[in-house]
């Protein structure tokens, strides 16, 4: 999109919402007014601008996207979702390394719209699992997690959830795996002996950690300088975000070795 077209679309919330609304099909002026919660006086000038730039045309009493408008609106939703994600907390995304996420998943980062951020309750618990994370994990029935760092509380934590019947699949880097085998062999063997668990080891470089369940997604990214952020985690509950988290797990699972015994 050229700069003039971007300004036409994104410098007006009404024009942006109009294009996305018309993406669903032809609409009358009354339907448009109701959707935008605006009067005809407010809506008609925006429709005229879209018509002048050949994005919308009118036939009889309805407004319809032109072929150009259809093409533009089809690409807009991804951009709108992306802006919604970064607009939630621009400073966070600007200071963290999103390039460590695989390109295919990074292109869909807009799926994390409506995300929030979890933090430890105070500085004395800075390196403990966040309370919101643990509480949501405890009521999840299906859990998939990727770990690039080792946390001493996680072996017993995930073992306890597995014993309660949750289906759990974990994927870790080779260094994390070696430490688990060395320091938590008993817990690991008990975890592996359960029928509702899977464990994978990946030799590719992974710099983030994430957990996706049937309820939520938690994503921990490093800072731009590579230092892992123990304080803030991205939290998402939208179905689209959960699919994104599932696909991220599948990406590395397909590049990993499944461990079936130790």
Protein backbone atom coordinates (compact mmCIF):
# COMPACT_ATOMS: atom_id res chain seq x y z
CA UNK A 1 0.00 0.00 0.00
CA UNK A 2 1.29 3.49 -0.81
CA UNK A 3 1.39 6.23 1.80
CA UNK A 4 -1.70 8.03 0.43
CA UNK A 5 -3.78 4.86 0.65
CA UNK A 6 -2.49 4.08 4.16
CA UNK A 7 -3.42 7.57 5.32
CA UNK A 8 -6.89 7.26 3.76
CA UNK A 9 -7.55 4.02 5.64
CA UNK A 10 -5.77 4.29 8.96
CA UNK A 11 -6.05 8.01 9.78
CA UNK A 12 -9.79 7.58 10.25
CA UNK A 13 -11.28 4.95 12.54
CA UNK A 14 -14.60 5.28 10.70
CA UNK A 15 -13.07 4.62 7.29
CA UNK A 16 -11.09 1.68 8.65
CA UNK A 17 -14.17 0.19 10.33
CA UNK A 18 -16.25 0.85 7.21
CA UNK A 19 -13.94 -1.17 4.98
CA UNK A 20 -13.80 -4.06 7.42
CA UNK A 21 -17.60 -3.97 7.81
CA UNK A 22 -18.17 -3.98 4.05
CA UNK A 23 -15.74 -6.89 3.78
CA UNK A 24 -18.62 -9.06 5.07
CA UNK A 25 -20.85 -8.01 2.16
CA UNK A 26 -23.03 -5.14 0.82
CA UNK A 27 -24.56 -2.90 3.48
CA UNK A 28 -27.27 -0.24 3.50
CA UNK A 29 -26.64 3.19 4.99
CA UNK A 30 -28.82 2.26 7.96
CA UNK A 31 -26.80 -0.89 8.63
CA UNK A 32 -23.62 1.16 8.44
CA UNK A 33 -24.96 3.81 10.82
CA UNK A 34 -25.98 1.19 13.35
CA UNK A 35 -22.65 -0.64 13.12
CA UNK A 36 -20.61 2.55 13.53
CA UNK A 37 -23.06 4.07 16.03
CA UNK A 38 -22.92 7.26 14.00
CA UNK A 39 -25.28 9.58 12.15
CA UNK A 40 -25.56 9.88 8.38
CA UNK A 41 -23.83 13.27 8.65
CA UNK A 42 -20.77 11.55 10.13
CA UNK A 43 -20.81 8.52 7.84
CA UNK A 44 -21.53 9.94 4.38
CA UNK A 45 -18.34 12.06 4.05
CA UNK A 46 -16.23 8.96 4.85
CA UNK A 47 -18.11 6.90 2.29
CA UNK A 48 -17.55 9.63 -0.28
CA UNK A 49 -13.78 9.56 0.32
CA UNK A 50 -13.72 5.79 -0.09
CA UNK A 51 -15.79 6.08 -3.27
CA UNK A 52 -13.54 8.84 -4.65
CA UNK A 53 -10.54 6.51 -4.24
CA UNK A 54 -12.37 3.61 -5.91
CA UNK A 55 -12.49 1.42 -2.79
CA UNK A 56 -16.27 1.49 -2.48
CA UNK A 57 -19.13 1.95 -4.91
CA UNK A 58 -22.86 2.37 -4.49
CA UNK A 59 -25.52 0.42 -6.31
CA UNK A 60 -29.15 1.24 -5.66
CA UNK A 61 -29.39 1.60 -1.88
CA UNK A 62 -26.34 -0.42 -0.79
CA UNK A 63 -22.61 0.16 -0.56
CA UNK A 64 -20.22 -2.51 -1.85
CA UNK A 65 -16.46 -2.94 -1.90
CA UNK A 66 -14.89 -2.55 -5.32
CA UNK A 67 -12.38 -5.19 -6.52
CA UNK A 68 -9.62 -2.88 -5.22
CA UNK A 69 -11.50 -2.46 -1.95
CA UNK A 70 -11.82 -6.24 -1.59
CA UNK A 71 -8.06 -6.65 -2.09
CA UNK A 72 -7.25 -3.89 0.40
CA UNK A 73 -9.74 -5.03 3.03
CA UNK A 74 -8.41 -8.57 2.75
CA UNK A 75 -4.98 -7.38 3.85
CA UNK A 76 -6.23 -4.90 6.43
CA UNK A 77 -7.34 -7.32 9.12
CA UNK A 78 -3.82 -8.66 9.59
CA UNK A 79 -2.49 -5.11 9.88
CA UNK A 80 -5.25 -4.08 12.30
CA UNK A 81 -4.56 -7.14 14.46
CA UNK A 82 -0.85 -6.38 14.40
CA UNK A 83 -1.43 -2.78 15.47
CA UNK A 84 -3.76 -3.99 18.23
CA UNK A 85 -1.03 -6.28 19.57
CA UNK A 86 1.74 -3.69 19.52
CA UNK A 87 -0.58 -0.93 20.70
CA UNK A 88 -1.35 -2.90 23.87
CA UNK A 89 2.16 -2.28 25.15
CA UNK A 90 4.45 -0.86 22.49
CA UNK A 91 7.38 -0.50 24.89
CA UNK A 92 7.32 -4.22 25.69
CA UNK A 93 7.40 -5.34 22.05
CA UNK A 94 10.02 -2.74 21.13
CA UNK A 95 12.34 -3.95 23.91
CA UNK A 96 11.94 -7.69 23.36
CA UNK A 97 13.30 -10.05 20.73
CA UNK A 98 10.41 -11.12 18.53
CA UNK A 99 12.89 -12.21 15.85
CA UNK A 100 13.53 -15.36 17.91
CA UNK A 101 10.05 -16.54 16.88
CA UNK A 102 10.06 -18.52 13.59
CA UNK A 103 9.24 -16.40 10.54
CA UNK A 104 5.95 -18.15 9.79
CA UNK A 105 4.66 -17.59 13.33
CA UNK A 106 6.12 -14.08 13.48
CA UNK A 107 4.06 -13.15 10.42
CA UNK A 108 0.98 -14.12 12.45
CA UNK A 109 1.91 -12.18 15.59
CA UNK A 110 -1.35 -10.26 15.13
CA UNK A 111 -3.13 -13.39 16.40
CA UNK A 112 -2.04 -12.33 19.89
CA UNK A 113 -4.49 -9.42 19.95
CA UNK A 114 -6.11 -8.60 23.29
CA UNK A 115 -3.05 -9.91 25.11
CA UNK A 116 -2.25 -8.89 28.67
CA UNK A 117 0.92 -9.14 30.73
CA UNK A 118 1.48 -11.11 33.90
CA UNK A 119 4.06 -10.10 36.47
CA UNK A 120 5.24 -11.40 39.86
CA UNK A 121 3.33 -9.81 42.78
CA UNK A 122 6.51 -8.26 44.21
CA UNK A 123 10.30 -8.28 43.89
CA UNK A 124 10.67 -11.06 46.48
CA UNK A 125 9.01 -13.45 43.99
CA UNK A 126 10.72 -12.18 40.86
CA UNK A 127 12.01 -15.59 39.76
CA UNK A 128 8.99 -17.67 40.80
CA UNK A 129 6.27 -18.76 38.33
CA UNK A 130 3.69 -16.00 38.10
CA UNK A 131 0.56 -16.57 40.17
CA UNK A 132 -1.78 -15.96 37.22
CA UNK A 133 0.19 -18.48 35.15
CA UNK A 134 0.03 -21.21 37.80
CA UNK A 135 -3.66 -20.61 38.57
CA UNK A 136 -4.65 -20.96 34.91
CA UNK A 137 -2.34 -23.93 34.46
CA UNK A 138 -3.98 -25.72 37.40
CA UNK A 139 -7.40 -25.72 35.71
CA UNK A 140 -6.16 -26.67 32.24
CA UNK A 141 -6.74 -30.19 30.92
CA UNK A 142 -4.36 -30.07 27.95
CA UNK A 143 -0.91 -28.50 28.33
CA UNK A 144 1.92 -28.04 25.83
CA UNK A 145 5.08 -26.22 26.79
CA UNK A 146 8.40 -25.18 25.28
CA UNK A 147 11.30 -24.32 27.58
CA UNK A 148 14.60 -22.72 26.68
CA UNK A 149 15.55 -22.08 30.31
CA UNK A 150 15.51 -24.32 33.36
CA UNK A 151 13.31 -23.53 36.34
CA UNK A 152 13.80 -25.73 39.44
CA UNK A 153 10.10 -25.62 40.34
CA UNK A 154 8.83 -26.82 36.98
CA UNK A 155 9.64 -30.59 37.20
CA UNK A 156 7.49 -31.06 40.31
CA UNK A 157 4.87 -28.57 39.07
CA UNK A 158 4.20 -30.30 35.76
CA UNK A 159 4.45 -33.74 37.38
CA UNK A 160 1.72 -32.78 39.84
CA UNK A 161 -0.60 -31.64 37.03
CA UNK A 162 0.11 -34.82 35.05
CA UNK A 163 -0.75 -36.96 38.09
CA UNK A 164 -4.10 -35.15 38.28
CA UNK A 165 -4.90 -36.26 34.74
CA UNK A 166 -3.89 -33.34 32.51
CA UNK A 167 -2.47 -34.31 29.10
CA UNK A 168 1.00 -32.77 29.05
CA UNK A 169 3.56 -32.48 26.25
CA UNK A 170 6.83 -30.74 27.04
CA UNK A 171 9.62 -29.71 24.68
CA UNK A 172 13.01 -28.47 25.89
CA UNK A 173 16.42 -27.64 24.53
CA UNK A 174 19.26 -30.15 24.87
CA UNK A 175 20.98 -28.27 27.76
CA UNK A 176 17.70 -28.13 29.73
CA UNK A 177 17.15 -31.85 29.09
CA UNK A 178 20.61 -32.76 30.36
CA UNK A 179 20.07 -30.83 33.57
CA UNK A 180 16.66 -32.42 34.16
CA UNK A 181 18.20 -35.90 33.74
CA UNK A 182 21.05 -35.05 36.08
CA UNK A 183 19.22 -33.22 38.88
CA UNK A 184 15.58 -34.38 38.65
CA UNK A 185 15.91 -37.94 37.39
CA UNK A 186 13.36 -39.39 39.83
CA UNK A 187 10.67 -36.85 38.94
CA UNK A 188 11.47 -37.16 35.25
CA UNK A 189 11.18 -40.97 35.27
CA UNK A 190 7.86 -40.73 37.10
CA UNK A 191 6.63 -38.17 34.53
CA UNK A 192 7.70 -40.35 31.62
CA UNK A 193 5.96 -43.43 33.05
CA UNK A 194 2.55 -41.74 32.90
CA UNK A 195 0.34 -42.49 29.88
CA UNK A 196 -0.80 -38.87 29.51
CA UNK A 197 2.67 -37.34 29.00
CA UNK A 198 5.04 -36.73 26.08
CA UNK A 199 8.54 -35.28 26.13
CA UNK A 200 10.66 -33.87 23.30
CA UNK A 201 14.20 -32.54 22.98
CA UNK A 202 15.17 -30.01 20.32
CA UNK A 203 18.72 -29.31 19.17
CA UNK A 204 17.75 -26.16 17.31
CA UNK A 205 18.28 -22.78 18.92
CA UNK A 206 15.27 -21.72 21.00
CA UNK A 207 15.38 -18.44 22.93
CA UNK A 208 11.79 -18.13 24.19
CA UNK A 209 9.56 -20.21 26.45
CA UNK A 210 5.84 -20.70 26.05
CA UNK A 211 2.92 -22.72 27.34
CA UNK A 212 -0.37 -23.21 25.52
CA UNK A 213 -3.34 -25.00 27.04
CA UNK A 214 -7.02 -25.40 26.33
CA UNK A 215 -7.51 -22.15 28.29
CA UNK A 216 -4.63 -19.74 27.69
CA UNK A 217 -1.27 -18.94 26.11
CA UNK A 218 1.76 -17.71 28.04
CA UNK A 219 4.80 -16.44 26.13
CA UNK A 220 8.15 -15.46 27.67
CA UNK A 221 10.49 -13.55 25.37
CA UNK A 222 14.07 -12.42 25.95
CA UNK A 223 15.01 -8.77 25.87
CA UNK A 224 16.55 -7.46 22.66
CA UNK A 225 20.03 -8.00 24.14
CA UNK A 226 19.30 -11.70 24.68
CA UNK A 227 18.79 -11.57 28.46
CA UNK A 228 15.75 -13.59 29.49
CA UNK A 229 12.89 -11.57 30.95
CA UNK A 230 11.80 -13.17 34.24
CA UNK A 231 9.41 -10.36 35.08
CA UNK A 232 6.82 -10.02 32.30
CA UNK A 233 5.00 -12.74 30.35
CA UNK A 234 2.53 -12.24 27.52
CA UNK A 235 -0.86 -13.76 28.41
CA UNK A 236 -3.59 -14.46 25.83
CA UNK A 237 -6.99 -16.13 26.10
CA UNK A 238 -8.43 -15.62 22.58
CA UNK A 239 -8.99 -18.78 20.48
CA UNK A 240 -6.76 -17.34 17.73
CA UNK A 241 -3.90 -16.94 20.19
CA UNK A 242 -4.31 -20.53 21.38
CA UNK A 243 -4.08 -21.76 17.77
CA UNK A 244 -0.94 -19.65 17.35
CA UNK A 245 0.56 -21.24 20.46
CA UNK A 246 -0.37 -24.74 19.25
CA UNK A 247 1.28 -24.06 15.89
CA UNK A 248 4.40 -22.72 17.58
CA UNK A 249 4.69 -25.90 19.63
CA UNK A 250 4.09 -28.07 16.54
CA UNK A 251 6.81 -26.20 14.63
CA UNK A 252 9.48 -27.28 17.10
CA UNK A 253 7.95 -30.69 17.87
CA UNK A 254 8.39 -31.60 14.21
CA UNK A 255 12.09 -30.71 14.56
CA UNK A 256 12.63 -32.57 17.82
CA UNK A 257 13.45 -36.01 19.14
CA UNK A 258 10.77 -37.70 21.23
CA UNK A 259 12.13 -39.17 24.44
CA UNK A 260 10.36 -42.36 25.46
CA UNK A 261 12.70 -43.71 28.14
CA UNK A 262 15.72 -42.74 30.24
